[in-house]
Amino acid sequence: MTRDWLLRRPALGQYETLMAELMAEYPAAFRNCTRIGPAMFHDPLQVVGPRITKNHTWFRQSINPDLKLAITLRFLATGDSYRTLMYGFRVAHNKICSIVRDVCEAIVSAYAGDVIQTPTEHEEWKADQFAAKWQFPHAIGALDGKHVAIRCPKNGGSLNYNYKGYHSVVQGGGHRLPIHMGKYWSARRMFRRTNLESKRPQVGNRKGVDWHARSNNSSR
């Protein structure tokens, strides 16, 4: 069944109405909505726009890159489900799924080399700062993760049930890219999946230094 309300996106979609109003008149509210201001919104749009632009076909028009970026930023800012975003942006949830993936890959491809670089000099590793500020000697970096909500797997019991009160898998973040989507990996094991393991500082004849791998909920 055709969902005619999706076809009314140009006139009634969230990006074309509310977000356009916020961008033009209320930049602080737009920043609260997307976590970046209107001026900064246009910077990545110019960089990743050509990477996420697709040609129109005789069957349908492609979605504009600015709308794709807005959907992705709203998803990253809120963690809303694709179905929830569908009703605001008037874009089908399965299309939003591919949009978020494509835009994130384009952002990583465009910015990773400039924004997130592997340290090359001993001074670039932040071990001294970790020790001085957080009292973690020999720490050279930090890993974090995101709990991605899922339905309880069949016969899963409490295996995927987290301390936040719902079932999830953990997406582990590392150098340049998310490096694991799974259930049981420690921060140390995730670290070994990155190219940082081979590039940590050399001390004398020792390969690297003693270091601590600590996740954001490892104290629980």
C-alpha atoms as a PDB file:
ATOM      1  CA  MET A   1       0.000   0.000   0.000  1.00  0.00           C
ATOM      2  CA  THR A   2       1.357   3.400  -0.972  1.00  0.00           C
ATOM      3  CA  ARG A   3       1.912   5.682   1.995  1.00  0.00           C
ATOM      4  CA  ASP A   4       0.822   8.951   0.458  1.00  0.00           C
ATOM      5  CA  TRP A   5       1.895  10.930   3.492  1.00  0.00           C
ATOM      6  CA  LEU A   6       5.529  10.151   2.628  1.00  0.00           C
ATOM      7  CA  LEU A   7       5.050  11.880  -0.722  1.00  0.00           C
ATOM      8  CA  ARG A   8       4.110  15.110   1.052  1.00  0.00           C
ATOM      9  CA  ARG A   9       7.639  15.473   2.434  1.00  0.00           C
ATOM     10  CA  PRO A  10       8.567  18.563   0.339  1.00  0.00           C
ATOM     11  CA  ALA A  11       5.730  20.516   1.947  1.00  0.00           C
ATOM     12  CA  LEU A  12       5.424  18.953   5.382  1.00  0.00           C
ATOM     13  CA  GLY A  13       8.672  17.147   6.216  1.00  0.00           C
ATOM     14  CA  GLN A  14      10.546  18.010   9.402  1.00  0.00           C
ATOM     15  CA  TYR A  15      13.665  19.134   7.566  1.00  0.00           C
ATOM     16  CA  GLU A  16      11.768  21.260   5.048  1.00  0.00           C
ATOM     17  CA  THR A  17       9.633  22.987   7.709  1.00  0.00           C
ATOM     18  CA  LEU A  18      10.798  22.955  11.334  1.00  0.00           C
ATOM     19  CA  MET A  19      14.519  22.513  10.747  1.00  0.00           C
ATOM     20  CA  ALA A  20      14.520  25.104   7.962  1.00  0.00           C
ATOM     21  CA  GLU A  21      12.867  27.551  10.360  1.00  0.00           C
ATOM     22  CA  LEU A  22      15.363  26.792  13.116  1.00  0.00           C
ATOM     23  CA  MET A  23      18.294  27.117  10.724  1.00  0.00           C
ATOM     24  CA  ALA A  24      17.123  30.530   9.511  1.00  0.00           C
ATOM     25  CA  GLU A  25      15.806  32.091  12.715  1.00  0.00           C
ATOM     26  CA  TYR A  26      16.871  30.085  15.767  1.00  0.00           C
ATOM     27  CA  PRO A  27      20.468  28.835  15.362  1.00  0.00           C
ATOM     28  CA  ALA A  28      20.741  27.839  19.029  1.00  0.00           C
ATOM     29  CA  ALA A  29      17.694  25.603  18.702  1.00  0.00           C
ATOM     30  CA  PHE A  30      19.072  24.128  15.474  1.00  0.00           C
ATOM     31  CA  ARG A  31      22.297  23.346  17.305  1.00  0.00           C
ATOM     32  CA  ASN A  32      20.335  21.662  20.076  1.00  0.00           C
ATOM     33  CA  CYS A  33      18.486  19.630  17.452  1.00  0.00           C
ATOM     34  CA  THR A  34      21.506  18.422  15.477  1.00  0.00           C
ATOM     35  CA  ARG A  35      24.416  19.172  17.876  1.00  0.00           C
ATOM     36  CA  ILE A  36      25.993  21.489  15.283  1.00  0.00           C
ATOM     37  CA  GLY A  37      25.171  25.051  14.256  1.00  0.00           C
ATOM     38  CA  PRO A  38      23.801  26.111  10.848  1.00  0.00           C
ATOM     39  CA  ALA A  39      27.208  27.326   9.610  1.00  0.00           C
ATOM     40  CA  MET A  40      28.911  24.087  10.602  1.00  0.00           C
ATOM     41  CA  PHE A  41      26.089  22.110   8.983  1.00  0.00           C
ATOM     42  CA  HIS A  42      27.017  23.502   5.580  1.00  0.00           C
ATOM     43  CA  ASP A  43      30.726  22.708   5.957  1.00  0.00           C
ATOM     44  CA  PRO A  44      30.371  18.894   6.012  1.00  0.00           C
ATOM     45  CA  LEU A  45      27.569  19.172   3.470  1.00  0.00           C
ATOM     46  CA  GLN A  46      29.996  20.658   0.961  1.00  0.00           C
ATOM     47  CA  VAL A  47      32.557  17.938   1.688  1.00  0.00           C
ATOM     48  CA  VAL A  48      30.359  14.831   1.840  1.00  0.00           C
ATOM     49  CA  GLY A  49      27.527  16.081  -0.370  1.00  0.00           C
ATOM     50  CA  PRO A  50      29.072  14.834  -3.638  1.00  0.00           C
ATOM     51  CA  ARG A  51      29.765  11.448  -2.014  1.00  0.00           C
ATOM     52  CA  ILE A  52      26.132  10.885  -1.029  1.00  0.00           C
ATOM     53  CA  THR A  53      24.404  12.443  -4.051  1.00  0.00           C
ATOM     54  CA  LYS A  54      22.611  10.044  -6.364  1.00  0.00           C
ATOM     55  CA  ASN A  55      21.046  10.683  -9.739  1.00  0.00           C
ATOM     56  CA  HIS A  56      17.317  10.983 -10.269  1.00  0.00           C
ATOM     57  CA  THR A  57      15.645   8.171 -12.199  1.00  0.00           C
ATOM     58  CA  TRP A  58      12.510   7.969 -14.296  1.00  0.00           C
ATOM     59  CA  PHE A  59      10.935   6.035 -11.413  1.00  0.00           C
ATOM     60  CA  ARG A  60      11.617   8.441  -8.543  1.00  0.00           C
ATOM     61  CA  GLN A  61      13.662  11.407  -7.467  1.00  0.00           C
ATOM     62  CA  SER A  62      16.654  10.824  -5.226  1.00  0.00           C
ATOM     63  CA  ILE A  63      16.832  12.304  -1.755  1.00  0.00           C
ATOM     64  CA  ASN A  64      18.862  15.494  -1.543  1.00  0.00           C
ATOM     65  CA  PRO A  65      22.200  15.282   0.318  1.00  0.00           C
ATOM     66  CA  ASP A  66      21.231  18.017   2.811  1.00  0.00           C
ATOM     67  CA  LEU A  67      18.218  15.976   3.905  1.00  0.00           C
ATOM     68  CA  LYS A  68      20.401  12.864   4.211  1.00  0.00           C
ATOM     69  CA  LEU A  69      22.862  14.743   6.399  1.00  0.00           C
ATOM     70  CA  ALA A  70      20.073  16.179   8.568  1.00  0.00           C
ATOM     71  CA  ILE A  71      18.555  12.727   9.119  1.00  0.00           C
ATOM     72  CA  THR A  72      21.925  11.268  10.061  1.00  0.00           C
ATOM     73  CA  LEU A  73      22.788  14.081  12.464  1.00  0.00           C
ATOM     74  CA  ARG A  74      19.399  13.796  14.150  1.00  0.00           C
ATOM     75  CA  PHE A  75      19.891  10.047  14.506  1.00  0.00           C
ATOM     76  CA  LEU A  76      23.353  10.482  16.004  1.00  0.00           C
ATOM     77  CA  ALA A  77      22.150  13.260  18.313  1.00  0.00           C
ATOM     78  CA  THR A  78      19.137  11.407  19.706  1.00  0.00           C
ATOM     79  CA  GLY A  79      19.543   7.704  19.024  1.00  0.00           C
ATOM     80  CA  ASP A  80      15.908   7.629  17.870  1.00  0.00           C
ATOM     81  CA  SER A  81      14.779   4.544  16.002  1.00  0.00           C
ATOM     82  CA  TYR A  82      14.480   4.629  12.230  1.00  0.00           C
ATOM     83  CA  ARG A  83      10.708   4.306  12.518  1.00  0.00           C
ATOM     84  CA  THR A  84      10.524   7.303  14.842  1.00  0.00           C
ATOM     85  CA  LEU A  85      12.588   9.373  12.419  1.00  0.00           C
ATOM     86  CA  MET A  86      10.386   8.195   9.560  1.00  0.00           C
ATOM     87  CA  TYR A  87       7.340  10.004  10.906  1.00  0.00           C
ATOM     88  CA  GLY A  88       9.205  13.278  11.357  1.00  0.00           C
ATOM     89  CA  PHE A  89      11.235  13.390   8.157  1.00  0.00           C
ATOM     90  CA  ARG A  90       8.664  11.489   6.040  1.00  0.00           C
ATOM     91  CA  VAL A  91      11.291   9.111   4.702  1.00  0.00           C
ATOM     92  CA  ALA A  92      10.712   5.354   4.817  1.00  0.00           C
ATOM     93  CA  HIS A  93      12.488   3.644   7.712  1.00  0.00           C
ATOM     94  CA  ASN A  94      14.336   1.183   5.465  1.00  0.00           C
ATOM     95  CA  LYS A  95      15.617   4.123   3.415  1.00  0.00           C
ATOM     96  CA  ILE A  96      16.755   5.909   6.574  1.00  0.00           C
ATOM     97  CA  CYS A  97      18.745   2.791   7.476  1.00  0.00           C
ATOM     98  CA  SER A  98      20.761   3.000   4.248  1.00  0.00           C
ATOM     99  CA  ILE A  99      21.040   6.805   4.490  1.00  0.00           C
ATOM    100  CA  VAL A 100      22.620   6.697   7.956  1.00  0.00           C
ATOM    101  CA  ARG A 101      25.107   4.044   6.875  1.00  0.00           C
ATOM    102  CA  ASP A 102      26.069   5.846   3.661  1.00  0.00           C
ATOM    103  CA  VAL A 103      26.451   9.258   5.292  1.00  0.00           C
ATOM    104  CA  CYS A 104      28.530   7.925   8.188  1.00  0.00           C
ATOM    105  CA  GLU A 105      30.818   6.092   5.776  1.00  0.00           C
ATOM    106  CA  ALA A 106      31.176   9.267   3.712  1.00  0.00           C
ATOM    107  CA  ILE A 107      32.026  11.346   6.796  1.00  0.00           C
ATOM    108  CA  VAL A 108      34.658   8.842   7.923  1.00  0.00           C
ATOM    109  CA  SER A 109      36.140   8.614   4.436  1.00  0.00           C
ATOM    110  CA  ALA A 110      36.309  12.403   4.089  1.00  0.00           C
ATOM    111  CA  TYR A 111      37.551  13.398   7.548  1.00  0.00           C
ATOM    112  CA  ALA A 112      39.304  10.459   9.203  1.00  0.00           C
ATOM    113  CA  GLY A 113      42.739  11.240   7.792  1.00  0.00           C
ATOM    114  CA  ASP A 114      42.620  14.847   9.004  1.00  0.00           C
ATOM    115  CA  VAL A 115      40.671  14.587  12.240  1.00  0.00           C
ATOM    116  CA  ILE A 116      41.693  11.263  13.809  1.00  0.00           C
ATOM    117  CA  GLN A 117      45.337  10.422  13.286  1.00  0.00           C
ATOM    118  CA  THR A 118      47.514   7.811  14.899  1.00  0.00           C
ATOM    119  CA  PRO A 119      50.190   9.473  17.046  1.00  0.00           C
ATOM    120  CA  THR A 120      53.641   9.315  15.487  1.00  0.00           C
ATOM    121  CA  GLU A 121      55.733  11.064  18.146  1.00  0.00           C
ATOM    122  CA  HIS A 122      56.207  10.028  21.754  1.00  0.00           C
ATOM    123  CA  GLU A 123      54.954  13.428  22.945  1.00  0.00           C
ATOM    124  CA  GLU A 124      51.634  12.955  21.138  1.00  0.00           C
ATOM    125  CA  TRP A 125      50.641  10.100  23.407  1.00  0.00           C
ATOM    126  CA  LYS A 126      48.772  11.523  26.393  1.00  0.00           C
ATOM    127  CA  ALA A 127      50.137   9.265  29.122  1.00  0.00           C
ATOM    128  CA  ASP A 128      51.391  12.145  31.286  1.00  0.00           C
ATOM    129  CA  GLN A 129      48.055  13.947  31.037  1.00  0.00           C
ATOM    130  CA  PHE A 130      46.097  10.830  31.989  1.00  0.00           C
ATOM    131  CA  ALA A 131      48.291  10.424  35.057  1.00  0.00           C
ATOM    132  CA  ALA A 132      48.104  14.080  36.106  1.00  0.00           C
ATOM    133  CA  LYS A 133      44.388  14.626  35.571  1.00  0.00           C
ATOM    134  CA  TRP A 134      42.823  11.231  36.197  1.00  0.00           C
ATOM    135  CA  GLN A 135      45.485   9.409  38.239  1.00  0.00           C
ATOM    136  CA  PHE A 136      45.789   6.640  35.632  1.00  0.00           C
ATOM    137  CA  PRO A 137      49.539   6.068  35.142  1.00  0.00           C
ATOM    138  CA  HIS A 138      50.662   4.463  31.876  1.00  0.00           C
ATOM    139  CA  ALA A 139      47.290   5.121  30.205  1.00  0.00           C
ATOM    140  CA  ILE A 140      47.737   6.165  26.587  1.00  0.00           C
ATOM    141  CA  GLY A 141      44.161   6.446  25.356  1.00  0.00           C
ATOM    142  CA  ALA A 142      40.486   5.849  25.997  1.00  0.00           C
ATOM    143  CA  LEU A 143      37.868   3.646  24.370  1.00  0.00           C
ATOM    144  CA  ASP A 144      34.131   4.087  24.588  1.00  0.00           C
ATOM    145  CA  GLY A 145      31.112   2.261  23.305  1.00  0.00           C
ATOM    146  CA  LYS A 146      27.424   2.620  22.593  1.00  0.00           C
ATOM    147  CA  HIS A 147      24.665   0.297  23.721  1.00  0.00           C
ATOM    148  CA  VAL A 148      22.550  -0.439  20.638  1.00  0.00           C
ATOM    149  CA  ALA A 149      19.076  -1.534  21.726  1.00  0.00           C
ATOM    150  CA  ILE A 150      17.843  -4.889  20.410  1.00  0.00           C
ATOM    151  CA  ARG A 151      14.967  -7.241  21.048  1.00  0.00           C
ATOM    152  CA  CYS A 152      15.812 -10.042  23.426  1.00  0.00           C
ATOM    153  CA  PRO A 153      17.156 -12.926  21.299  1.00  0.00           C
ATOM    154  CA  LYS A 154      15.319 -16.222  21.440  1.00  0.00           C
ATOM    155  CA  ASN A 155      16.359 -18.084  24.590  1.00  0.00           C
ATOM    156  CA  GLY A 156      18.675 -15.159  25.381  1.00  0.00           C
ATOM    157  CA  GLY A 157      17.469 -14.700  28.933  1.00  0.00           C
ATOM    158  CA  SER A 158      19.482 -11.954  30.603  1.00  0.00           C
ATOM    159  CA  LEU A 159      22.572 -12.473  28.427  1.00  0.00           C
ATOM    160  CA  ASN A 160      22.158  -9.169  26.558  1.00  0.00           C
ATOM    161  CA  TYR A 161      20.414  -7.293  29.373  1.00  0.00           C
ATOM    162  CA  ASN A 162      22.476  -4.267  30.425  1.00  0.00           C
ATOM    163  CA  TYR A 163      22.616  -2.104  33.528  1.00  0.00           C
ATOM    164  CA  LYS A 164      20.545   0.579  31.776  1.00  0.00           C
ATOM    165  CA  GLY A 165      17.519  -1.659  31.820  1.00  0.00           C
ATOM    166  CA  TYR A 166      17.189  -3.013  28.268  1.00  0.00           C
ATOM    167  CA  HIS A 167      18.696  -5.591  25.932  1.00  0.00           C
ATOM    168  CA  SER A 168      21.560  -4.421  23.760  1.00  0.00           C
ATOM    169  CA  VAL A 169      24.763  -5.199  21.925  1.00  0.00           C
ATOM    170  CA  VAL A 170      27.773  -2.963  22.413  1.00  0.00           C
ATOM    171  CA  GLN A 171      29.355  -1.091  19.538  1.00  0.00           C
ATOM    172  CA  GLY A 172      32.953  -0.514  20.523  1.00  0.00           C
ATOM    173  CA  GLY A 173      34.609   2.656  19.306  1.00  0.00           C
ATOM    174  CA  GLY A 174      38.255   2.807  18.339  1.00  0.00           C
ATOM    175  CA  HIS A 175      40.708   4.496  16.020  1.00  0.00           C
ATOM    176  CA  ARG A 176      39.004   5.810  12.850  1.00  0.00           C
ATOM    177  CA  LEU A 177      36.045   3.411  12.812  1.00  0.00           C
ATOM    178  CA  PRO A 178      33.686   1.489  15.064  1.00  0.00           C
ATOM    179  CA  ILE A 179      35.715  -1.678  15.415  1.00  0.00           C
ATOM    180  CA  HIS A 180      33.320  -4.214  16.867  1.00  0.00           C
ATOM    181  CA  MET A 181      29.646  -4.903  17.276  1.00  0.00           C
ATOM    182  CA  GLY A 182      29.250  -7.667  19.809  1.00  0.00           C
ATOM    183  CA  LYS A 183      28.597  -8.738  23.341  1.00  0.00           C
ATOM    184  CA  TYR A 184      31.569  -9.822  25.383  1.00  0.00           C
ATOM    185  CA  TRP A 185      34.682  -7.973  24.274  1.00  0.00           C
ATOM    186  CA  SER A 186      36.845  -6.139  26.777  1.00  0.00           C
ATOM    187  CA  ALA A 187      38.391  -2.740  26.082  1.00  0.00           C
ATOM    188  CA  ARG A 188      41.814  -4.399  25.850  1.00  0.00           C
ATOM    189  CA  ARG A 189      40.642  -6.817  23.194  1.00  0.00           C
ATOM    190  CA  MET A 190      39.039  -3.980  21.224  1.00  0.00           C
ATOM    191  CA  PHE A 191      42.318  -2.053  21.442  1.00  0.00           C
ATOM    192  CA  ARG A 192      44.145  -4.957  19.860  1.00  0.00           C
ATOM    193  CA  ARG A 193      41.756  -4.781  16.894  1.00  0.00           C
ATOM    194  CA  THR A 194      42.990  -1.284  16.019  1.00  0.00           C
ATOM    195  CA  ASN A 195      46.288  -0.201  14.476  1.00  0.00           C
ATOM    196  CA  LEU A 196      47.197   1.557  17.721  1.00  0.00           C
ATOM    197  CA  GLU A 197      48.545  -1.633  19.280  1.00  0.00           C
ATOM    198  CA  SER A 198      51.560  -1.693  16.971  1.00  0.00           C
ATOM    199  CA  LYS A 199      52.167   2.034  17.297  1.00  0.00           C
ATOM    200  CA  ARG A 200      52.143   2.594  21.031  1.00  0.00           C
ATOM    201  CA  PRO A 201      55.355   4.065  22.472  1.00  0.00           C
ATOM    202  CA  GLN A 202      58.537   2.054  22.647  1.00  0.00           C
ATOM    203  CA  VAL A 203      60.366   2.082  25.975  1.00  0.00           C
ATOM    204  CA  GLY A 204      63.900   0.680  25.874  1.00  0.00           C
ATOM    205  CA  ASN A 205      63.841  -2.904  24.650  1.00  0.00           C
ATOM    206  CA  ARG A 206      60.237  -3.355  25.705  1.00  0.00           C
ATOM    207  CA  LYS A 207      57.474  -3.429  23.153  1.00  0.00           C
ATOM    208  CA  GLY A 208      55.266  -0.622  24.362  1.00  0.00           C
ATOM    209  CA  VAL A 209      54.595   0.307  27.941  1.00  0.00           C
ATOM    210  CA  ASP A 210      52.355  -1.045  30.629  1.00  0.00           C
ATOM    211  CA  TRP A 211      48.939   0.420  30.087  1.00  0.00           C
ATOM    212  CA  HIS A 212      45.394   0.127  31.333  1.00  0.00           C
ATOM    213  CA  ALA A 213      42.361  -0.621  29.152  1.00  0.00           C
ATOM    214  CA  ARG A 214      39.267   0.636  30.872  1.00  0.00           C
ATOM    215  CA  SER A 215      35.770   0.860  29.471  1.00  0.00           C
ATOM    216  CA  ASN A 216      33.143   3.359  30.575  1.00  0.00           C
ATOM    217  CA  ASN A 217      31.308   0.791  32.725  1.00  0.00           C
ATOM    218  CA  SER A 218      34.173  -1.480  33.756  1.00  0.00           C
ATOM    219  CA  SER A 219      33.760  -0.526  37.404  1.00  0.00           C
ATOM    220  CA  ARG A 220      30.351  -2.132  37.538  1.00  0.00           C
END
